[in-house]
């Protein structure tokens, strides 16, 4: 992913998480991801590329589809 897209995804992910009232730890638990990984995904400095497996796990945590999760 280009850095601009990664930054937009980071902002979108944080917005969805806070809208649910979840902490990063809660999202990590629901998505079966490491807490530190969720922190990095939401980082506005240099978020890592999100792999398709991670996107699937996040989508399931939010009870949505990967395509809707990426609709930002």
PDB file of N, CA and C in Angstrom:
ATOM      1  N   UNK A   1       0.844  -1.179   0.000  1.00  0.00           N
ATOM      2  CA  UNK A   1       0.000   0.000   0.000  1.00  0.00           C
ATOM      3  C   UNK A   1       0.886   1.239   0.000  1.00  0.00           C
ATOM      4  N   UNK A   2       0.467   2.216  -0.736  1.00  0.00           N
ATOM      5  CA  UNK A   2       1.182   3.488  -0.721  1.00  0.00           C
ATOM      6  C   UNK A   2       0.970   4.147   0.646  1.00  0.00           C
ATOM      7  N   UNK A   3       1.903   4.967   1.051  1.00  0.00           N
ATOM      8  CA  UNK A   3       1.833   5.578   2.387  1.00  0.00           C
ATOM      9  C   UNK A   3       0.541   6.367   2.585  1.00  0.00           C
ATOM     10  N   UNK A   4       0.107   7.076   1.566  1.00  0.00           N
ATOM     11  CA  UNK A   4      -1.135   7.865   1.681  1.00  0.00           C
ATOM     12  C   UNK A   4      -2.324   6.963   1.992  1.00  0.00           C
ATOM     13  N   UNK A   5      -2.407   5.839   1.339  1.00  0.00           N
ATOM     14  CA  UNK A   5      -3.503   4.895   1.577  1.00  0.00           C
ATOM     15  C   UNK A   5      -3.387   4.307   2.983  1.00  0.00           C
ATOM     16  N   UNK A   6      -2.166   3.982   3.404  1.00  0.00           N
ATOM     17  CA  UNK A   6      -1.965   3.440   4.749  1.00  0.00           C
ATOM     18  C   UNK A   6      -2.386   4.449   5.806  1.00  0.00           C
ATOM     19  N   UNK A   7      -2.104   5.723   5.575  1.00  0.00           N
ATOM     20  CA  UNK A   7      -2.513   6.766   6.520  1.00  0.00           C
ATOM     21  C   UNK A   7      -4.036   6.910   6.566  1.00  0.00           C
ATOM     22  N   UNK A   8      -4.661   6.848   5.418  1.00  0.00           N
ATOM     23  CA  UNK A   8      -6.128   6.934   5.372  1.00  0.00           C
ATOM     24  C   UNK A   8      -6.757   5.736   6.071  1.00  0.00           C
ATOM     25  N   UNK A   9      -6.158   4.544   5.870  1.00  0.00           N
ATOM     26  CA  UNK A   9      -6.663   3.350   6.543  1.00  0.00           C
ATOM     27  C   UNK A   9      -6.488   3.483   8.051  1.00  0.00           C
ATOM     28  N   UNK A  10      -5.351   4.013   8.489  1.00  0.00           N
ATOM     29  CA  UNK A  10      -5.094   4.203   9.919  1.00  0.00           C
ATOM     30  C   UNK A  10      -6.155   5.118  10.538  1.00  0.00           C
ATOM     31  N   UNK A  11      -6.462   6.214   9.873  1.00  0.00           N
ATOM     32  CA  UNK A  11      -7.476   7.145  10.371  1.00  0.00           C
ATOM     33  C   UNK A  11      -8.854   6.492  10.400  1.00  0.00           C
ATOM     34  N   UNK A  12      -9.162   5.752   9.344  1.00  0.00           N
ATOM     35  CA  UNK A  12     -10.462   5.085   9.245  1.00  0.00           C
ATOM     36  C   UNK A  12     -10.607   4.021  10.334  1.00  0.00           C
ATOM     37  N   UNK A  13      -9.555   3.244  10.550  1.00  0.00           N
ATOM     38  CA  UNK A  13      -9.577   2.206  11.562  1.00  0.00           C
ATOM     39  C   UNK A  13      -9.790   2.810  12.947  1.00  0.00           C
ATOM     40  N   UNK A  14      -9.081   3.885  13.246  1.00  0.00           N
ATOM     41  CA  UNK A  14      -9.233   4.554  14.543  1.00  0.00           C
ATOM     42  C   UNK A  14     -10.653   5.092  14.706  1.00  0.00           C
ATOM     43  N   UNK A  15     -11.193   5.666  13.639  1.00  0.00           N
ATOM     44  CA  UNK A  15     -12.558   6.215  13.692  1.00  0.00           C
ATOM     45  C   UNK A  15     -13.574   5.108  13.977  1.00  0.00           C
ATOM     46  N   UNK A  16     -13.448   3.986  13.291  1.00  0.00           N
ATOM     47  CA  UNK A  16     -14.370   2.871  13.511  1.00  0.00           C
ATOM     48  C   UNK A  16     -14.255   2.330  14.936  1.00  0.00           C
ATOM     49  N   UNK A  17     -13.029   2.203  15.406  1.00  0.00           N
ATOM     50  CA  UNK A  17     -12.799   1.669  16.748  1.00  0.00           C
ATOM     51  C   UNK A  17     -13.382   2.588  17.818  1.00  0.00           C
ATOM     52  N   UNK A  18     -13.123   3.873  17.702  1.00  0.00           N
ATOM     53  CA  UNK A  18     -13.623   4.805  18.721  1.00  0.00           C
ATOM     54  C   UNK A  18     -15.144   4.951  18.649  1.00  0.00           C
ATOM     55  N   UNK A  19     -15.697   4.811  17.453  1.00  0.00           N
ATOM     56  CA  UNK A  19     -17.157   4.861  17.302  1.00  0.00           C
ATOM     57  C   UNK A  19     -17.818   3.726  18.086  1.00  0.00           C
ATOM     58  N   UNK A  20     -17.140   2.572  18.148  1.00  0.00           N
ATOM     59  CA  UNK A  20     -17.635   1.427  18.916  1.00  0.00           C
ATOM     60  C   UNK A  20     -17.353   1.585  20.404  1.00  0.00           C
ATOM     61  N   UNK A  21     -16.500   2.544  20.751  1.00  0.00           N
ATOM     62  CA  UNK A  21     -16.128   2.730  22.143  1.00  0.00           C
ATOM     63  C   UNK A  21     -15.086   1.733  22.620  1.00  0.00           C
ATOM     64  N   UNK A  22     -14.346   1.155  21.682  1.00  0.00           N
ATOM     65  CA  UNK A  22     -13.343   0.138  22.000  1.00  0.00           C
ATOM     66  C   UNK A  22     -11.973   0.769  22.182  1.00  0.00           C
ATOM     67  N   UNK A  23     -11.195   0.170  23.064  1.00  0.00           N
ATOM     68  CA  UNK A  23      -9.782   0.524  23.172  1.00  0.00           C
ATOM     69  C   UNK A  23      -9.020  -0.270  22.106  1.00  0.00           C
ATOM     70  N   UNK A  24      -7.776   0.078  21.904  1.00  0.00           N
ATOM     71  CA  UNK A  24      -6.956  -0.693  20.967  1.00  0.00           C
ATOM     72  C   UNK A  24      -6.800  -2.123  21.463  1.00  0.00           C
ATOM     73  N   UNK A  25      -6.712  -2.295  22.769  1.00  0.00           N
ATOM     74  CA  UNK A  25      -6.605  -3.643  23.341  1.00  0.00           C
ATOM     75  C   UNK A  25      -7.850  -4.467  23.063  1.00  0.00           C
ATOM     76  N   UNK A  26      -9.013  -3.839  23.161  1.00  0.00           N
ATOM     77  CA  UNK A  26     -10.271  -4.537  22.895  1.00  0.00           C
ATOM     78  C   UNK A  26     -10.342  -4.965  21.439  1.00  0.00           C
ATOM     79  N   UNK A  27     -10.013  -4.055  20.526  1.00  0.00           N
ATOM     80  CA  UNK A  27     -10.014  -4.403  19.106  1.00  0.00           C
ATOM     81  C   UNK A  27      -9.037  -5.537  18.838  1.00  0.00           C
ATOM     82  N   UNK A  28      -7.861  -5.477  19.431  1.00  0.00           N
ATOM     83  CA  UNK A  28      -6.870  -6.540  19.234  1.00  0.00           C
ATOM     84  C   UNK A  28      -7.429  -7.880  19.686  1.00  0.00           C
ATOM     85  N   UNK A  29      -8.118  -7.877  20.815  1.00  0.00           N
ATOM     86  CA  UNK A  29      -8.709  -9.117  21.326  1.00  0.00           C
ATOM     87  C   UNK A  29      -9.794  -9.640  20.389  1.00  0.00           C
ATOM     88  N   UNK A  30     -10.707  -8.775  19.968  1.00  0.00           N
ATOM     89  CA  UNK A  30     -11.796  -9.182  19.071  1.00  0.00           C
ATOM     90  C   UNK A  30     -11.282  -9.671  17.717  1.00  0.00           C
ATOM     91  N   UNK A  31     -10.199  -9.066  17.243  1.00  0.00           N
ATOM     92  CA  UNK A  31      -9.660  -9.418  15.926  1.00  0.00           C
ATOM     93  C   UNK A  31      -8.581 -10.501  16.005  1.00  0.00           C
ATOM     94  N   UNK A  32      -8.272 -10.937  17.216  1.00  0.00           N
ATOM     95  CA  UNK A  32      -7.228 -11.948  17.407  1.00  0.00           C
ATOM     96  C   UNK A  32      -5.891 -11.477  16.824  1.00  0.00           C
ATOM     97  N   UNK A  33      -5.557 -10.236  17.149  1.00  0.00           N
ATOM     98  CA  UNK A  33      -4.298  -9.631  16.727  1.00  0.00           C
ATOM     99  C   UNK A  33      -3.525  -9.179  17.963  1.00  0.00           C
ATOM    100  N   UNK A  34      -2.251  -8.987  17.817  1.00  0.00           N
ATOM    101  CA  UNK A  34      -1.452  -8.447  18.909  1.00  0.00           C
ATOM    102  C   UNK A  34      -1.811  -6.974  19.101  1.00  0.00           C
ATOM    103  N   UNK A  35      -1.880  -6.574  20.369  1.00  0.00           N
ATOM    104  CA  UNK A  35      -2.196  -5.188  20.705  1.00  0.00           C
ATOM    105  C   UNK A  35      -1.226  -4.231  20.013  1.00  0.00           C
ATOM    106  N   UNK A  36       0.046  -4.558  20.024  1.00  0.00           N
ATOM    107  CA  UNK A  36       1.070  -3.708  19.401  1.00  0.00           C
ATOM    108  C   UNK A  36       0.827  -3.563  17.897  1.00  0.00           C
ATOM    109  N   UNK A  37       0.318  -4.612  17.262  1.00  0.00           N
ATOM    110  CA  UNK A  37       0.038  -4.538  15.826  1.00  0.00           C
ATOM    111  C   UNK A  37      -1.092  -3.546  15.547  1.00  0.00           C
ATOM    112  N   UNK A  38      -2.117  -3.575  16.383  1.00  0.00           N
ATOM    113  CA  UNK A  38      -3.215  -2.609  16.229  1.00  0.00           C
ATOM    114  C   UNK A  38      -2.685  -1.194  16.428  1.00  0.00           C
ATOM    115  N   UNK A  39      -1.818  -1.009  17.411  1.00  0.00           N
ATOM    116  CA  UNK A  39      -1.208   0.307  17.618  1.00  0.00           C
ATOM    117  C   UNK A  39      -0.482   0.771  16.363  1.00  0.00           C
ATOM    118  N   UNK A  40       0.304  -0.108  15.778  1.00  0.00           N
ATOM    119  CA  UNK A  40       1.060   0.262  14.570  1.00  0.00           C
ATOM    120  C   UNK A  40       0.131   0.552  13.398  1.00  0.00           C
ATOM    121  N   UNK A  41      -0.938  -0.239  13.243  1.00  0.00           N
ATOM    122  CA  UNK A  41      -1.877  -0.011  12.143  1.00  0.00           C
ATOM    123  C   UNK A  41      -2.553   1.354  12.244  1.00  0.00           C
ATOM    124  N   UNK A  42      -2.756   1.827  13.463  1.00  0.00           N
ATOM    125  CA  UNK A  42      -3.396   3.125  13.669  1.00  0.00           C
ATOM    126  C   UNK A  42      -2.405   4.284  13.734  1.00  0.00           C
ATOM    127  N   UNK A  43      -1.130   3.980  13.652  1.00  0.00           N
ATOM    128  CA  UNK A  43      -0.105   5.005  13.745  1.00  0.00           C
ATOM    129  C   UNK A  43      -0.197   5.977  12.577  1.00  0.00           C
ATOM    130  N   UNK A  44      -0.106   7.258  12.880  1.00  0.00           N
ATOM    131  CA  UNK A  44      -0.150   8.261  11.824  1.00  0.00           C
ATOM    132  C   UNK A  44       1.250   8.665  11.375  1.00  0.00           C
ATOM    133  N   UNK A  45       2.273   8.098  11.990  1.00  0.00           N
ATOM    134  CA  UNK A  45       3.645   8.389  11.574  1.00  0.00           C
ATOM    135  C   UNK A  45       4.043   7.531  10.389  1.00  0.00           C
ATOM    136  N   UNK A  46       3.973   6.218  10.561  1.00  0.00           N
ATOM    137  CA  UNK A  46       4.365   5.315   9.485  1.00  0.00           C
ATOM    138  C   UNK A  46       3.676   3.967   9.664  1.00  0.00           C
ATOM    139  N   UNK A  47       2.370   3.912   9.373  1.00  0.00           N
ATOM    140  CA  UNK A  47       1.668   2.639   9.558  1.00  0.00           C
ATOM    141  C   UNK A  47       2.173   1.584   8.566  1.00  0.00           C
ATOM    142  N   UNK A  48       2.226   0.334   9.009  1.00  0.00           N
ATOM    143  CA  UNK A  48       2.677  -0.733   8.107  1.00  0.00           C
ATOM    144  C   UNK A  48       1.574  -1.095   7.114  1.00  0.00           C
ATOM    145  N   UNK A  49       1.938  -1.750   6.039  1.00  0.00           N
ATOM    146  CA  UNK A  49       0.909  -2.258   5.131  1.00  0.00           C
ATOM    147  C   UNK A  49       0.069  -3.306   5.861  1.00  0.00           C
ATOM    148  N   UNK A  50      -1.220  -3.303   5.643  1.00  0.00           N
ATOM    149  CA  UNK A  50      -2.104  -4.302   6.252  1.00  0.00           C
ATOM    150  C   UNK A  50      -2.241  -5.481   5.296  1.00  0.00           C
ATOM    151  N   UNK A  51      -1.911  -6.652   5.785  1.00  0.00           N
ATOM    152  CA  UNK A  51      -2.040  -7.859   4.971  1.00  0.00           C
ATOM    153  C   UNK A  51      -3.507  -8.253   4.893  1.00  0.00           C
ATOM    154  N   UNK A  52      -3.851  -9.022   3.869  1.00  0.00           N
ATOM    155  CA  UNK A  52      -5.244  -9.415   3.662  1.00  0.00           C
ATOM    156  C   UNK A  52      -5.780 -10.207   4.847  1.00  0.00           C
ATOM    157  N   UNK A  53      -4.949 -11.028   5.481  1.00  0.00           N
ATOM    158  CA  UNK A  53      -5.392 -11.781   6.662  1.00  0.00           C
ATOM    159  C   UNK A  53      -5.772 -10.833   7.787  1.00  0.00           C
ATOM    160  N   UNK A  54      -4.998  -9.788   7.962  1.00  0.00           N
ATOM    161  CA  UNK A  54      -5.281  -8.791   9.000  1.00  0.00           C
ATOM    162  C   UNK A  54      -6.565  -8.046   8.691  1.00  0.00           C
ATOM    163  N   UNK A  55      -6.759  -7.688   7.437  1.00  0.00           N
ATOM    164  CA  UNK A  55      -7.981  -6.990   7.034  1.00  0.00           C
ATOM    165  C   UNK A  55      -9.202  -7.870   7.281  1.00  0.00           C
ATOM    166  N   UNK A  56      -9.079  -9.169   6.983  1.00  0.00           N
ATOM    167  CA  UNK A  56     -10.179 -10.100   7.244  1.00  0.00           C
ATOM    168  C   UNK A  56     -10.505 -10.173   8.733  1.00  0.00           C
ATOM    169  N   UNK A  57      -9.482 -10.256   9.571  1.00  0.00           N
ATOM    170  CA  UNK A  57      -9.692 -10.333  11.013  1.00  0.00           C
ATOM    171  C   UNK A  57     -10.346  -9.057  11.538  1.00  0.00           C
ATOM    172  N   UNK A  58      -9.895  -7.918  11.053  1.00  0.00           N
ATOM    173  CA  UNK A  58     -10.485  -6.649  11.476  1.00  0.00           C
ATOM    174  C   UNK A  58     -11.939  -6.546  11.018  1.00  0.00           C
ATOM    175  N   UNK A  59     -12.216  -6.959   9.800  1.00  0.00           N
ATOM    176  CA  UNK A  59     -13.585  -6.925   9.282  1.00  0.00           C
ATOM    177  C   UNK A  59     -14.507  -7.791  10.137  1.00  0.00           C
ATOM    178  N   UNK A  60     -14.047  -8.982  10.509  1.00  0.00           N
ATOM    179  CA  UNK A  60     -14.863  -9.855  11.357  1.00  0.00           C
ATOM    180  C   UNK A  60     -15.107  -9.213  12.714  1.00  0.00           C
ATOM    181  N   UNK A  61     -14.095  -8.562  13.271  1.00  0.00           N
ATOM    182  CA  UNK A  61     -14.254  -7.896  14.563  1.00  0.00           C
ATOM    183  C   UNK A  61     -15.326  -6.812  14.487  1.00  0.00           C
ATOM    184  N   UNK A  62     -15.368  -6.091  13.369  1.00  0.00           N
ATOM    185  CA  UNK A  62     -16.359  -5.027  13.182  1.00  0.00           C
ATOM    186  C   UNK A  62     -17.666  -5.546  12.594  1.00  0.00           C
ATOM    187  N   UNK A  63     -17.732  -6.861  12.364  1.00  0.00           N
ATOM    188  CA  UNK A  63     -18.920  -7.501  11.786  1.00  0.00           C
ATOM    189  C   UNK A  63     -19.297  -6.860  10.446  1.00  0.00           C
ATOM    190  N   UNK A  64     -18.300  -6.791   9.580  1.00  0.00           N
ATOM    191  CA  UNK A  64     -18.495  -6.236   8.244  1.00  0.00           C
ATOM    192  C   UNK A  64     -17.653  -7.052   7.268  1.00  0.00           C
ATOM    193  N   UNK A  65     -17.655  -6.643   6.036  1.00  0.00           N
ATOM    194  CA  UNK A  65     -16.851  -7.324   5.017  1.00  0.00           C
ATOM    195  C   UNK A  65     -15.542  -6.561   4.818  1.00  0.00           C
ATOM    196  N   UNK A  66     -14.525  -7.253   4.320  1.00  0.00           N
ATOM    197  CA  UNK A  66     -13.275  -6.548   4.032  1.00  0.00           C
ATOM    198  C   UNK A  66     -13.468  -5.363   3.075  1.00  0.00           C
ATOM    199  N   UNK A  67     -14.322  -5.531   2.075  1.00  0.00           N
ATOM    200  CA  UNK A  67     -14.512  -4.429   1.122  1.00  0.00           C
ATOM    201  C   UNK A  67     -15.154  -3.216   1.792  1.00  0.00           C
ATOM    202  N   UNK A  68     -16.083  -3.445   2.715  1.00  0.00           N
ATOM    203  CA  UNK A  68     -16.698  -2.315   3.432  1.00  0.00           C
ATOM    204  C   UNK A  68     -15.709  -1.693   4.406  1.00  0.00           C
ATOM    205  N   UNK A  69     -14.841  -2.523   5.000  1.00  0.00           N
ATOM    206  CA  UNK A  69     -13.817  -1.986   5.895  1.00  0.00           C
ATOM    207  C   UNK A  69     -12.867  -1.060   5.142  1.00  0.00           C
ATOM    208  N   UNK A  70     -12.615  -1.388   3.893  1.00  0.00           N
ATOM    209  CA  UNK A  70     -11.698  -0.589   3.078  1.00  0.00           C
ATOM    210  C   UNK A  70     -12.381   0.534   2.311  1.00  0.00           C
ATOM    211  N   UNK A  71     -13.664   0.723   2.545  1.00  0.00           N
ATOM    212  CA  UNK A  71     -14.419   1.784   1.857  1.00  0.00           C
ATOM    213  C   UNK A  71     -14.289   3.081   2.644  1.00  0.00           C
ATOM    214  N   UNK A  72     -13.208   3.814   2.362  1.00  0.00           N
ATOM    215  CA  UNK A  72     -12.979   5.065   3.089  1.00  0.00           C
ATOM    216  C   UNK A  72     -12.637   6.179   2.155  1.00  0.00           C
TER     217      UNK A  72
END
